[in-house]
Amino acid sequence: MSNLTPTAIGSGHEGNLRDQVKAYFSRVKNGEMGALPAIGALVVLAGLFGSLSPFFFTKLNIANLFVQAAELTTLAAALVFVILLAEIDLSAGVAAGVAMDIFYLCLKSGLNWIVGVFVALIFGALVGLVLGWFVAKIGVPSFVVTLAFFLGFQGIALILLGDGGLFRVEVPEIKAIMNENLPAAAGWGLLALMLVISLSIGLWDRARRSKLGLAVRPLSILLTKTALIGLIGGFIVFFLNQNRSAAFKPIAGVPIVIPIVVGLLFVGTFVLDRTQFGRHLYAVGGNPEAARRAGIKVGLIRISAFVICSMLAVVSGLFHVSRIGVVEAAAGRSIVLSGVAAAVVGGVSLFGGRGRLVHAAIGAMVISMIDNGLGLLGLSAGISFLVTGSVLALAATIDALSRKRSGGSLARS
């Protein structure tokens, strides 16, 4: 049962901060741990790699770690929208690869890079529309239809680009996304803007819920959350604004890709937490039959989730092209599995209805830290796959046990 007071439940009055804290620990005790295991893994991995390699905590490596995690974070966030429905999209990575092939062909034909990006995003939306139609209207299991597209898109990539080779993308604006940094003042300015928007949305939501007679969290929680974001964000901006180059030319500033990824996560979180679509998505993922009886258009929600997933996957593909500077026919074959792993490791439930985009971001940082740290130690890619697989198996086990424990708690209550 809720730990809010009767007054808070029945009106727009604020609940007690102490009750809110007790409610949180009660949820954790009942199995709803969210991203806590992933945060613990981050702390352990950072301590382990920091003690084993003198290069891990250097400014250059930490900045590289954030940049390396950007592509995986975006793909993991994309997959959250379908995983929340207890579905899967195995084709997201190769679909993004084909979208980038189309982007390259647009550039080759003389079109502006902005038009190329737009065409690639439209392709992603069409892919999601078709996948969602198969799943929602025909009833084909998402695993099967996305596996079919995973195989088929590899053939399309070969048809578009040939049997092999790399094709350079010489677009300064695209290359800058993953390889250039913002001026120091711009980093601080974007952080301040993010804090203002976050606080404004929180105050707007409190006013809206209070007007509707719904329970609202104490203002102190909102202010504390905003201050915590400010402290963490301020530390990151300060750290990244330091010169991290040992050469004559200084390298400093927040990498351009970081505010882009943060913006995507912010908008996605707003959609899931503050809109009717987000509420319906969680409802369908938790119990599709109950959602259908409540009047929710389950089929439309499923199709929309696949469209969003595919479009965000295209953005991750754009980050990949920006980082390596080329398109390739074999792109995206393995990263989708890492994206699923990142979401699950971060605390997004494979059973649907539970998880947030920030959880996927934390999971992506765990996976990226494993690759980064093992690389610094000179260990083979095989060890990296082994460790990542073990972490994923552990995360899936925790998810299953917590789901069982929370179900048992509800039954007892």
Foldseek 3Di string as FASTA:
>chain_A
DQLFDPQLAQALDAGDPVSVVVRVVVLVVLQQVFQVLLVVLVVVLLVVLVVVFVCCPALVNVLVLLLVLLLLLLLLLLQLLQLQLLAGALQLFLLLLVLVLQLVVCVVVPHDSVVSLVSSLVSLLVVLLVLLCCCQPVNDGSVVVNVVNNVVSLVVLCVSPNDWDKAFDPDVVLLQQSPAFDALVVLVVLLVVVLVVQLVVLVVVSVVCNVVGHRDHDPVVSVVVSVVSSVVSVVVSVSQQDFRDPDPDTGGHRRNNVVVSVVVQVVQQCCLPPDPLNVLSLVSLVPVVVSVVVVDPNSVSSSVSSSSSNSSSNVSSSSVCSNVRIRISPTRNPSSVVSNLLQLLLPSASSHNDHGSVSSSSSSSSLSSLVSSCVSVVDDVVVSVVVSVVSSVVSNVSNVVSVVSSVVVVVVD
